[in-house]
């Protein structure tokens, strides 16, 4: 089905019904030709006349092998799709009185999400009267952002939306080549220095 859609996207040969076309491409003199002349040129080269830009005035055509042209178009679309990065947003939920163990567990998850290139939406959910602890929730989220500053940057500061206080973090773009990591040098005192102490 999708293959047919790509085929239907372009008019070729006799389906091009405009009086004249602008020819582009290799092995031809670029210029405006009567459509009948362009069709004749394509036939002489045993190729197809393909309308690549119907909205131009006159419409732009290329003399090419249509199957090869379709293949290249599909390949180009595939590459563009691969380049368009899908942004993943991972959610992490806290209560206003999250204990340290739970906090550290969620912090580790957030680090791995950011390292994978996902955004992190962390929020504190206030149930019932726990909305009285909203300052505590804000402090928790700011601490969370601070603990993750090597992995992500704050895109949106803590914001109260209904019963949830939300903070958004986006991954830091760390390119390995630009950031040399200095090896840690641990000096241990040798036996002579120990004796002198």
N, C-alpha and C. Protein backbone atom coordinates (compact mmCIF):
# COMPACT_ATOMS: atom_id res chain seq x y z
N UNK A 1 0.82 -1.20 0.00
CA UNK A 1 0.00 0.00 0.00
C UNK A 1 0.86 1.26 0.00
N UNK A 2 1.86 1.27 0.92
CA UNK A 2 2.71 2.45 1.01
C UNK A 2 3.53 2.63 -0.26
N UNK A 3 3.88 1.52 -0.89
CA UNK A 3 4.63 1.57 -2.14
C UNK A 3 3.81 2.27 -3.21
N UNK A 4 2.50 1.95 -3.25
CA UNK A 4 1.60 2.58 -4.21
C UNK A 4 1.51 4.07 -3.95
N UNK A 5 1.52 4.45 -2.67
CA UNK A 5 1.43 5.87 -2.31
C UNK A 5 2.61 6.65 -2.88
N UNK A 6 3.82 6.07 -2.79
CA UNK A 6 5.02 6.72 -3.34
C UNK A 6 4.89 6.83 -4.86
N UNK A 7 4.38 5.74 -5.47
CA UNK A 7 4.21 5.74 -6.93
C UNK A 7 3.23 6.83 -7.37
N UNK A 8 2.12 6.96 -6.62
CA UNK A 8 1.08 7.92 -6.99
C UNK A 8 1.54 9.37 -6.79
N UNK A 9 2.62 9.55 -6.06
CA UNK A 9 3.11 10.89 -5.74
C UNK A 9 3.63 11.61 -6.99
N UNK A 10 4.07 10.88 -7.98
CA UNK A 10 4.70 11.48 -9.16
C UNK A 10 3.96 11.10 -10.43
N UNK A 11 3.78 12.10 -11.29
CA UNK A 11 3.21 11.79 -12.60
C UNK A 11 4.37 11.50 -13.53
N UNK A 12 4.17 10.49 -14.40
CA UNK A 12 5.24 10.14 -15.34
C UNK A 12 4.70 10.06 -16.76
N UNK A 13 5.61 10.26 -17.70
CA UNK A 13 5.34 10.11 -19.13
C UNK A 13 4.02 10.75 -19.57
N UNK A 14 3.10 9.95 -20.14
CA UNK A 14 1.87 10.51 -20.72
C UNK A 14 0.93 11.11 -19.67
N UNK A 15 1.16 10.80 -18.39
CA UNK A 15 0.29 11.37 -17.34
C UNK A 15 0.62 12.83 -17.08
N UNK A 16 1.74 13.30 -17.61
CA UNK A 16 2.10 14.73 -17.46
C UNK A 16 1.36 15.49 -18.55
N UNK A 17 0.37 16.30 -18.14
CA UNK A 17 -0.51 16.93 -19.13
C UNK A 17 -0.36 18.45 -19.18
N UNK A 18 0.81 18.96 -18.89
CA UNK A 18 1.03 20.41 -19.00
C UNK A 18 1.68 20.68 -20.37
N UNK A 19 1.50 21.91 -20.92
CA UNK A 19 2.03 22.16 -22.26
C UNK A 19 3.55 22.16 -22.33
N UNK A 20 4.22 22.65 -21.25
CA UNK A 20 5.69 22.65 -21.28
C UNK A 20 6.25 22.35 -19.90
N UNK A 21 7.50 21.88 -19.90
CA UNK A 21 8.14 21.51 -18.64
C UNK A 21 9.57 22.03 -18.61
N UNK A 22 10.08 22.19 -17.37
CA UNK A 22 11.49 22.54 -17.21
C UNK A 22 12.24 21.24 -16.94
N UNK A 23 13.21 20.93 -17.79
CA UNK A 23 13.98 19.69 -17.63
C UNK A 23 15.24 19.96 -16.82
N UNK A 24 15.51 19.06 -15.87
CA UNK A 24 16.75 19.12 -15.08
C UNK A 24 17.34 17.72 -15.06
N UNK A 25 18.59 17.63 -14.66
CA UNK A 25 19.22 16.30 -14.53
C UNK A 25 20.48 16.18 -15.36
N UNK A 26 21.04 14.95 -15.34
CA UNK A 26 22.29 14.70 -16.04
C UNK A 26 22.01 14.38 -17.51
N UNK A 27 23.02 14.58 -18.32
CA UNK A 27 23.02 14.21 -19.75
C UNK A 27 21.95 14.91 -20.60
N UNK A 28 21.48 16.07 -20.11
CA UNK A 28 20.54 16.85 -20.93
C UNK A 28 20.89 18.33 -20.81
N UNK A 29 20.39 19.11 -21.77
CA UNK A 29 20.55 20.56 -21.66
C UNK A 29 19.38 21.07 -20.82
N UNK A 30 19.70 21.65 -19.66
CA UNK A 30 18.66 22.13 -18.76
C UNK A 30 17.94 23.29 -19.42
N UNK A 31 16.61 23.26 -19.36
CA UNK A 31 15.82 24.34 -19.94
C UNK A 31 14.36 23.98 -20.02
N UNK A 32 13.56 24.92 -20.61
CA UNK A 32 12.12 24.70 -20.76
C UNK A 32 11.86 24.12 -22.14
N UNK A 33 11.09 23.01 -22.17
CA UNK A 33 10.78 22.30 -23.42
C UNK A 33 9.28 22.06 -23.51
N UNK A 34 8.74 21.99 -24.75
CA UNK A 34 7.36 21.51 -24.87
C UNK A 34 7.32 20.08 -24.33
N UNK A 35 6.24 19.72 -23.66
CA UNK A 35 6.14 18.39 -23.04
C UNK A 35 6.35 17.28 -24.07
N UNK A 36 5.81 17.47 -25.26
CA UNK A 36 5.96 16.44 -26.30
C UNK A 36 7.44 16.21 -26.64
N UNK A 37 8.22 17.30 -26.70
CA UNK A 37 9.66 17.20 -27.00
C UNK A 37 10.38 16.47 -25.84
N UNK A 38 10.02 16.83 -24.59
CA UNK A 38 10.63 16.18 -23.42
C UNK A 38 10.32 14.69 -23.41
N UNK A 39 9.08 14.33 -23.76
CA UNK A 39 8.69 12.91 -23.81
C UNK A 39 9.50 12.17 -24.87
N UNK A 40 9.71 12.83 -26.00
CA UNK A 40 10.48 12.23 -27.10
C UNK A 40 11.93 12.00 -26.66
N UNK A 41 12.51 13.01 -25.95
CA UNK A 41 13.89 12.89 -25.46
C UNK A 41 14.02 11.70 -24.50
N UNK A 42 13.03 11.55 -23.60
CA UNK A 42 13.04 10.44 -22.64
C UNK A 42 12.95 9.11 -23.38
N UNK A 43 12.08 9.04 -24.38
CA UNK A 43 11.90 7.81 -25.15
C UNK A 43 13.19 7.45 -25.89
N UNK A 44 13.87 8.47 -26.47
CA UNK A 44 15.12 8.23 -27.18
C UNK A 44 16.20 7.65 -26.26
N UNK A 45 16.15 8.07 -24.97
CA UNK A 45 17.15 7.60 -24.00
C UNK A 45 16.69 6.31 -23.30
N UNK A 46 15.49 5.82 -23.70
CA UNK A 46 14.88 4.64 -23.07
C UNK A 46 14.71 4.81 -21.56
N UNK A 47 14.28 6.03 -21.20
CA UNK A 47 14.04 6.36 -19.79
C UNK A 47 12.65 6.96 -19.65
N UNK A 48 12.30 7.38 -18.42
CA UNK A 48 10.99 7.97 -18.17
C UNK A 48 11.11 9.46 -17.92
N UNK A 49 10.04 10.18 -18.24
CA UNK A 49 9.94 11.59 -17.89
C UNK A 49 9.15 11.63 -16.58
N UNK A 50 9.79 12.11 -15.52
CA UNK A 50 9.17 12.11 -14.19
C UNK A 50 8.99 13.55 -13.72
N UNK A 51 7.76 13.87 -13.33
CA UNK A 51 7.46 15.22 -12.82
C UNK A 51 7.86 15.27 -11.35
N UNK A 52 8.91 16.03 -11.04
CA UNK A 52 9.39 16.03 -9.64
C UNK A 52 8.90 17.23 -8.85
N UNK A 53 8.47 18.29 -9.57
CA UNK A 53 7.96 19.47 -8.87
C UNK A 53 6.78 20.04 -9.64
N UNK A 54 5.57 19.47 -9.38
CA UNK A 54 4.39 19.87 -10.15
C UNK A 54 3.91 21.29 -9.88
N UNK A 55 4.26 21.86 -8.72
CA UNK A 55 3.76 23.19 -8.36
C UNK A 55 4.59 24.33 -8.92
N UNK A 56 5.75 23.99 -9.50
CA UNK A 56 6.59 25.03 -10.10
C UNK A 56 5.94 25.48 -11.42
N UNK A 57 6.36 26.63 -11.91
CA UNK A 57 5.79 27.12 -13.17
C UNK A 57 6.93 27.43 -14.13
N UNK A 58 7.15 26.65 -15.19
CA UNK A 58 6.48 25.40 -15.51
C UNK A 58 6.95 24.28 -14.57
N UNK A 59 6.19 23.19 -14.54
CA UNK A 59 6.54 22.09 -13.63
C UNK A 59 7.90 21.50 -14.02
N UNK A 60 8.62 21.05 -12.98
CA UNK A 60 9.99 20.55 -13.19
C UNK A 60 9.96 19.04 -13.40
N UNK A 61 10.64 18.58 -14.44
CA UNK A 61 10.70 17.15 -14.74
C UNK A 61 12.15 16.70 -14.87
N UNK A 62 12.34 15.41 -14.68
CA UNK A 62 13.67 14.80 -14.80
C UNK A 62 13.54 13.57 -15.69
N UNK A 63 14.51 13.38 -16.56
CA UNK A 63 14.53 12.15 -17.37
C UNK A 63 15.38 11.14 -16.60
N UNK A 64 14.73 10.04 -16.21
CA UNK A 64 15.42 9.07 -15.35
C UNK A 64 14.73 7.71 -15.44
N UNK A 65 15.36 6.70 -14.87
CA UNK A 65 14.72 5.40 -14.74
C UNK A 65 13.76 5.51 -13.56
N UNK A 66 12.46 5.37 -13.80
CA UNK A 66 11.45 5.62 -12.77
C UNK A 66 11.60 4.70 -11.56
N UNK A 67 11.87 3.42 -11.79
CA UNK A 67 12.01 2.47 -10.68
C UNK A 67 13.19 2.86 -9.79
N UNK A 68 14.30 3.24 -10.43
CA UNK A 68 15.50 3.66 -9.69
C UNK A 68 15.20 4.94 -8.92
N UNK A 69 14.46 5.84 -9.55
CA UNK A 69 14.08 7.12 -8.92
C UNK A 69 13.23 6.85 -7.67
N UNK A 70 12.24 5.94 -7.79
CA UNK A 70 11.39 5.60 -6.63
C UNK A 70 12.21 5.00 -5.51
N UNK A 71 13.15 4.12 -5.89
CA UNK A 71 14.02 3.48 -4.90
C UNK A 71 14.81 4.54 -4.12
N UNK A 72 15.38 5.51 -4.86
CA UNK A 72 16.17 6.56 -4.21
C UNK A 72 15.32 7.44 -3.30
N UNK A 73 14.07 7.72 -3.75
CA UNK A 73 13.16 8.54 -2.93
C UNK A 73 12.83 7.82 -1.62
N UNK A 74 12.55 6.50 -1.71
CA UNK A 74 12.22 5.73 -0.51
C UNK A 74 13.43 5.68 0.44
N UNK A 75 14.60 5.52 -0.15
CA UNK A 75 15.83 5.45 0.65
C UNK A 75 16.04 6.78 1.38
N UNK A 76 15.79 7.88 0.67
CA UNK A 76 15.95 9.22 1.27
C UNK A 76 14.95 9.41 2.41
N UNK A 77 13.71 8.98 2.20
CA UNK A 77 12.69 9.11 3.24
C UNK A 77 13.07 8.29 4.47
N UNK A 78 13.61 7.11 4.25
CA UNK A 78 14.04 6.23 5.35
C UNK A 78 15.14 6.92 6.16
N UNK A 79 16.11 7.52 5.44
CA UNK A 79 17.22 8.20 6.13
C UNK A 79 16.71 9.38 6.94
N UNK A 80 15.77 10.14 6.38
CA UNK A 80 15.22 11.29 7.10
C UNK A 80 14.49 10.82 8.36
N UNK A 81 13.76 9.72 8.22
CA UNK A 81 13.03 9.17 9.37
C UNK A 81 14.00 8.76 10.47
N UNK A 82 15.11 8.16 10.05
CA UNK A 82 16.11 7.71 11.03
C UNK A 82 16.76 8.91 11.73
N UNK A 83 16.92 10.01 10.98
CA UNK A 83 17.56 11.20 11.57
C UNK A 83 16.64 11.93 12.52
N UNK A 84 15.32 11.88 12.26
CA UNK A 84 14.41 12.59 13.15
C UNK A 84 14.32 11.79 14.45
N UNK A 85 14.88 12.36 15.49
CA UNK A 85 15.01 11.67 16.77
C UNK A 85 13.67 11.71 17.51
N UNK A 86 13.25 10.57 17.98
CA UNK A 86 12.03 10.53 18.78
C UNK A 86 12.42 10.87 20.22
N UNK A 87 11.72 11.86 20.77
CA UNK A 87 12.00 12.26 22.15
C UNK A 87 11.15 11.41 23.08
N UNK A 88 11.82 10.72 23.96
CA UNK A 88 11.13 9.87 24.93
C UNK A 88 11.09 10.62 26.25
N UNK A 89 9.93 10.63 26.89
CA UNK A 89 9.80 11.26 28.20
C UNK A 89 9.48 10.18 29.21
N UNK A 90 10.36 10.05 30.20
CA UNK A 90 10.15 9.06 31.26
C UNK A 90 9.65 9.81 32.50
N UNK A 91 8.66 9.23 33.17
CA UNK A 91 8.11 9.87 34.36
C UNK A 91 8.62 9.19 35.63
N UNK A 92 8.90 10.04 36.62
CA UNK A 92 9.31 9.54 37.94
C UNK A 92 8.42 10.22 38.96
N UNK A 93 7.77 9.40 39.78
CA UNK A 93 6.80 9.94 40.74
C UNK A 93 7.33 9.85 42.17
N UNK A 94 7.16 10.94 42.88
CA UNK A 94 7.52 10.99 44.29
C UNK A 94 6.28 11.30 45.12
N UNK A 95 6.35 10.92 46.38
CA UNK A 95 5.38 11.42 47.36
C UNK A 95 6.06 12.57 48.08
N UNK A 96 5.31 13.44 48.75
CA UNK A 96 5.96 14.59 49.41
C UNK A 96 6.94 14.17 50.51
N UNK A 97 6.76 12.96 51.06
CA UNK A 97 7.67 12.51 52.12
C UNK A 97 8.39 11.24 51.70
N UNK A 98 9.05 11.30 50.56
CA UNK A 98 9.80 10.15 50.04
C UNK A 98 11.04 9.93 50.90
N UNK A 99 11.27 8.69 51.32
CA UNK A 99 12.46 8.43 52.15
C UNK A 99 13.71 8.32 51.28
N UNK A 100 14.87 8.36 51.91
CA UNK A 100 16.15 8.39 51.19
C UNK A 100 16.35 7.17 50.30
N UNK A 101 15.98 6.00 50.79
CA UNK A 101 16.17 4.77 50.01
C UNK A 101 15.39 4.86 48.69
N UNK A 102 14.12 5.24 48.80
CA UNK A 102 13.25 5.37 47.63
C UNK A 102 13.79 6.47 46.70
N UNK A 103 14.23 7.58 47.32
CA UNK A 103 14.76 8.70 46.54
C UNK A 103 15.98 8.26 45.72
N UNK A 104 16.92 7.57 46.36
CA UNK A 104 18.14 7.13 45.67
C UNK A 104 17.85 6.13 44.57
N UNK A 105 16.86 5.27 44.80
CA UNK A 105 16.44 4.29 43.80
C UNK A 105 15.93 5.02 42.55
N UNK A 106 15.11 6.03 42.76
CA UNK A 106 14.54 6.80 41.65
C UNK A 106 15.60 7.67 40.98
N UNK A 107 16.54 8.14 41.76
CA UNK A 107 17.63 8.95 41.21
C UNK A 107 18.47 8.11 40.25
N UNK A 108 18.76 6.86 40.62
CA UNK A 108 19.53 5.97 39.74
C UNK A 108 18.79 5.73 38.42
N UNK A 109 17.49 5.54 38.50
CA UNK A 109 16.68 5.35 37.29
C UNK A 109 16.75 6.59 36.40
N UNK A 110 16.61 7.75 37.02
CA UNK A 110 16.63 9.01 36.26
C UNK A 110 17.97 9.20 35.56
N UNK A 111 19.06 8.85 36.25
CA UNK A 111 20.40 8.95 35.63
C UNK A 111 20.47 8.09 34.38
N UNK A 112 19.98 6.84 34.49
CA UNK A 112 20.06 5.95 33.32
C UNK A 112 19.16 6.46 32.20
N UNK A 113 17.99 7.02 32.54
CA UNK A 113 17.10 7.57 31.49
C UNK A 113 17.79 8.70 30.75
N UNK A 114 18.42 9.60 31.51
CA UNK A 114 19.09 10.76 30.90
C UNK A 114 20.28 10.32 30.06
N UNK A 115 21.00 9.30 30.54
CA UNK A 115 22.15 8.79 29.78
C UNK A 115 21.70 8.16 28.45
N UNK A 116 20.49 7.59 28.46
CA UNK A 116 19.94 7.00 27.23
C UNK A 116 19.41 8.06 26.28
N UNK A 117 19.35 9.32 26.73
CA UNK A 117 18.87 10.42 25.88
C UNK A 117 17.40 10.74 26.07
N UNK A 118 16.76 10.16 27.08
CA UNK A 118 15.34 10.46 27.34
C UNK A 118 15.21 11.67 28.25
N UNK A 119 14.09 12.38 28.11
CA UNK A 119 13.80 13.47 29.04
C UNK A 119 13.21 12.84 30.30
N UNK A 120 13.33 13.54 31.41
CA UNK A 120 12.76 13.02 32.65
C UNK A 120 11.77 14.05 33.19
N UNK A 121 10.54 13.56 33.41
CA UNK A 121 9.51 14.40 34.01
C UNK A 121 9.31 13.85 35.41
N UNK A 122 9.82 14.57 36.39
CA UNK A 122 9.69 14.11 37.78
C UNK A 122 8.60 14.93 38.43
N UNK A 123 7.78 14.26 39.23
CA UNK A 123 6.74 15.03 39.91
C UNK A 123 6.45 14.47 41.29
N UNK A 124 5.98 15.38 42.14
CA UNK A 124 5.54 15.01 43.47
C UNK A 124 4.02 15.03 43.43
N UNK A 125 3.41 13.93 43.81
CA UNK A 125 1.95 13.83 43.81
C UNK A 125 1.44 14.07 45.22
N UNK A 126 0.55 15.06 45.35
CA UNK A 126 0.00 15.39 46.67
C UNK A 126 -1.40 14.79 46.80
N UNK A 127 -1.54 13.85 47.75
CA UNK A 127 -2.85 13.24 47.98
C UNK A 127 -3.53 13.97 49.13
N UNK A 128 -4.79 14.30 48.95
CA UNK A 128 -5.58 14.89 50.04
C UNK A 128 -4.92 16.10 50.66
N UNK A 129 -4.69 16.01 51.99
CA UNK A 129 -4.17 17.17 52.71
C UNK A 129 -2.66 17.32 52.59
N UNK A 130 -2.01 16.37 51.89
CA UNK A 130 -0.55 16.46 51.76
C UNK A 130 -0.13 17.68 50.92
N UNK A 131 -1.11 18.37 50.31
CA UNK A 131 -0.81 19.59 49.54
C UNK A 131 -0.19 20.64 50.47
N UNK A 132 -0.39 20.47 51.78
CA UNK A 132 0.22 21.38 52.77
C UNK A 132 1.74 21.28 52.72
N UNK A 133 2.26 20.18 52.16
CA UNK A 133 3.71 19.97 52.10
C UNK A 133 4.29 20.41 50.76
N UNK A 134 3.62 21.35 50.07
CA UNK A 134 4.11 21.68 48.71
C UNK A 134 5.51 22.26 48.72
N UNK A 135 5.89 23.01 49.79
CA UNK A 135 7.27 23.53 49.86
C UNK A 135 8.25 22.35 49.94
N UNK A 136 7.87 21.33 50.71
CA UNK A 136 8.69 20.14 50.86
C UNK A 136 8.85 19.45 49.50
N UNK A 137 7.77 19.42 48.74
CA UNK A 137 7.80 18.84 47.40
C UNK A 137 8.74 19.60 46.48
N UNK A 138 8.69 20.93 46.56
CA UNK A 138 9.55 21.77 45.72
C UNK A 138 11.02 21.55 46.08
N UNK A 139 11.31 21.49 47.37
CA UNK A 139 12.68 21.25 47.83
C UNK A 139 13.18 19.90 47.32
N UNK A 140 12.32 18.89 47.38
CA UNK A 140 12.67 17.55 46.91
C UNK A 140 13.03 17.58 45.42
N UNK A 141 12.20 18.27 44.62
CA UNK A 141 12.45 18.32 43.17
C UNK A 141 13.72 19.10 42.84
N UNK A 142 13.96 20.18 43.57
CA UNK A 142 15.18 20.97 43.33
C UNK A 142 16.42 20.16 43.72
N UNK A 143 16.33 19.40 44.80
CA UNK A 143 17.44 18.52 45.21
C UNK A 143 17.68 17.46 44.12
N UNK A 144 16.59 16.93 43.58
CA UNK A 144 16.64 15.92 42.53
C UNK A 144 17.37 16.49 41.30
N UNK A 145 16.98 17.70 40.89
CA UNK A 145 17.61 18.35 39.73
C UNK A 145 19.08 18.61 40.00
N UNK A 146 19.40 19.03 41.22
CA UNK A 146 20.77 19.31 41.60
C UNK A 146 21.62 18.04 41.56
N UNK A 147 21.06 16.93 42.04
CA UNK A 147 21.78 15.65 42.04
C UNK A 147 22.00 15.12 40.62
N UNK A 148 21.21 15.61 39.69
CA UNK A 148 21.32 15.13 38.30
C UNK A 148 22.01 16.14 37.38
N UNK A 149 22.62 17.18 37.96
CA UNK A 149 23.15 18.26 37.10
C UNK A 149 24.25 17.80 36.14
N UNK A 150 24.94 16.68 36.45
CA UNK A 150 25.96 16.17 35.53
C UNK A 150 25.33 15.42 34.35
N UNK A 151 24.07 15.04 34.49
CA UNK A 151 23.41 14.21 33.47
C UNK A 151 22.36 14.98 32.66
N UNK A 152 21.72 15.96 33.30
CA UNK A 152 20.66 16.69 32.60
C UNK A 152 20.53 18.10 33.11
N UNK A 153 19.87 18.93 32.29
CA UNK A 153 19.64 20.30 32.74
C UNK A 153 18.14 20.55 32.89
N UNK A 154 17.78 21.49 33.74
CA UNK A 154 16.38 21.77 34.03
C UNK A 154 15.77 22.51 32.84
N UNK A 155 14.71 21.93 32.30
CA UNK A 155 14.00 22.58 31.20
C UNK A 155 12.84 23.40 31.75
N UNK A 156 12.25 22.93 32.84
CA UNK A 156 11.14 23.63 33.48
C UNK A 156 11.29 23.49 34.99
N UNK A 157 11.30 24.64 35.65
CA UNK A 157 11.42 24.65 37.11
C UNK A 157 10.16 24.04 37.73
N UNK A 158 10.22 23.65 39.03
CA UNK A 158 9.04 23.04 39.66
C UNK A 158 7.80 23.92 39.50
N UNK A 159 6.73 23.30 39.04
CA UNK A 159 5.50 24.02 38.74
C UNK A 159 4.34 23.18 39.26
N UNK A 160 3.45 23.82 40.00
CA UNK A 160 2.30 23.10 40.57
C UNK A 160 1.17 23.07 39.55
N UNK A 161 0.78 21.86 39.15
CA UNK A 161 -0.35 21.69 38.23
C UNK A 161 -1.35 20.77 38.91
N UNK A 162 -2.39 21.34 39.43
CA UNK A 162 -3.39 20.55 40.16
C UNK A 162 -2.77 19.94 41.41
N UNK A 163 -2.76 18.62 41.48
CA UNK A 163 -2.20 17.95 42.66
C UNK A 163 -0.77 17.48 42.43
N UNK A 164 -0.18 17.93 41.33
CA UNK A 164 1.18 17.49 41.01
C UNK A 164 2.11 18.68 40.86
N UNK A 165 3.29 18.55 41.44
CA UNK A 165 4.34 19.55 41.20
C UNK A 165 5.37 18.89 40.29
N UNK A 166 5.59 19.52 39.13
CA UNK A 166 6.38 18.88 38.07
C UNK A 166 7.66 19.65 37.78
N UNK A 167 8.73 18.90 37.50
CA UNK A 167 9.98 19.48 37.00
C UNK A 167 10.38 18.67 35.77
N UNK A 168 10.89 19.35 34.75
CA UNK A 168 11.32 18.66 33.52
C UNK A 168 12.83 18.77 33.38
N UNK A 169 13.48 17.66 33.06
CA UNK A 169 14.93 17.64 32.85
C UNK A 169 15.22 17.08 31.46
N UNK A 170 16.14 17.73 30.76
CA UNK A 170 16.54 17.20 29.44
C UNK A 170 17.98 16.73 29.54
N UNK A 171 18.32 15.69 28.78
CA UNK A 171 19.69 15.17 28.86
C UNK A 171 20.70 16.18 28.36
N UNK A 172 21.85 16.18 28.99
CA UNK A 172 22.95 17.04 28.52
C UNK A 172 23.58 16.35 27.33
N UNK A 173 23.92 17.13 26.32
CA UNK A 173 24.59 16.55 25.16
C UNK A 173 26.07 16.45 25.50
N UNK A 174 26.49 15.27 25.85
CA UNK A 174 27.90 15.07 26.18
C UNK A 174 28.53 14.25 25.07
N UNK A 175 29.39 14.90 24.29
CA UNK A 175 30.06 14.13 23.25
C UNK A 175 31.37 13.63 23.81
N UNK A 176 31.59 12.36 23.66
CA UNK A 176 32.74 11.69 24.27
C UNK A 176 34.05 12.29 23.78
N UNK A 177 34.10 12.67 22.50
CA UNK A 177 35.35 13.15 21.94
C UNK A 177 35.77 14.50 22.51
N UNK A 178 34.79 15.36 22.84
CA UNK A 178 35.12 16.71 23.30
C UNK A 178 35.49 16.77 24.77
N UNK A 179 35.11 15.75 25.51
CA UNK A 179 35.29 15.83 26.96
C UNK A 179 36.30 14.79 27.42
N UNK A 180 37.58 15.17 27.43
CA UNK A 180 38.55 14.19 27.89
C UNK A 180 38.38 13.96 29.40
N UNK A 181 38.43 12.72 29.78
CA UNK A 181 38.28 12.40 31.20
C UNK A 181 39.67 12.18 31.78
N UNK A 182 39.99 13.02 32.75
CA UNK A 182 41.30 12.91 33.38
C UNK A 182 41.32 11.68 34.28
N UNK A 183 42.34 10.85 34.15
CA UNK A 183 42.39 9.66 35.02
C UNK A 183 42.61 10.08 36.46
N UNK A 184 41.98 9.36 37.37
CA UNK A 184 42.15 9.67 38.80
C UNK A 184 43.49 9.13 39.25
N UNK A 185 44.26 10.00 39.85
CA UNK A 185 45.56 9.58 40.35
C UNK A 185 45.47 9.48 41.87
N UNK A 186 45.66 8.29 42.37
CA UNK A 186 45.61 8.08 43.82
C UNK A 186 47.03 7.82 44.28
N UNK A 187 47.51 8.71 45.12
CA UNK A 187 48.88 8.52 45.59
C UNK A 187 48.84 7.86 46.97
N UNK A 188 49.56 6.78 47.07
CA UNK A 188 49.67 6.08 48.35
C UNK A 188 51.06 6.37 48.90
N UNK A 189 51.14 6.70 50.16
CA UNK A 189 52.48 6.97 50.71
C UNK A 189 53.31 5.68 50.69
N UNK A 190 54.55 5.81 50.25
CA UNK A 190 55.39 4.61 50.23
C UNK A 190 55.95 4.36 51.63
N UNK A 191 56.64 3.26 51.77
CA UNK A 191 57.11 2.83 53.10
C UNK A 191 58.02 3.87 53.75
N UNK A 192 58.90 4.52 52.94
CA UNK A 192 59.84 5.49 53.49
C UNK A 192 59.11 6.68 54.12
N UNK A 193 58.07 7.17 53.36
CA UNK A 193 57.31 8.33 53.86
C UNK A 193 56.57 7.97 55.13
N UNK A 194 56.08 6.72 55.22
CA UNK A 194 55.34 6.29 56.42
C UNK A 194 56.27 6.33 57.64
N UNK A 195 57.53 5.93 57.45
CA UNK A 195 58.48 5.89 58.56
C UNK A 195 58.80 7.30 59.05
N UNK A 196 58.83 8.26 58.09
CA UNK A 196 59.18 9.63 58.46
C UNK A 196 58.06 10.36 59.18
N UNK A 197 56.83 9.83 59.05
CA UNK A 197 55.68 10.53 59.68
C UNK A 197 55.74 10.43 61.19
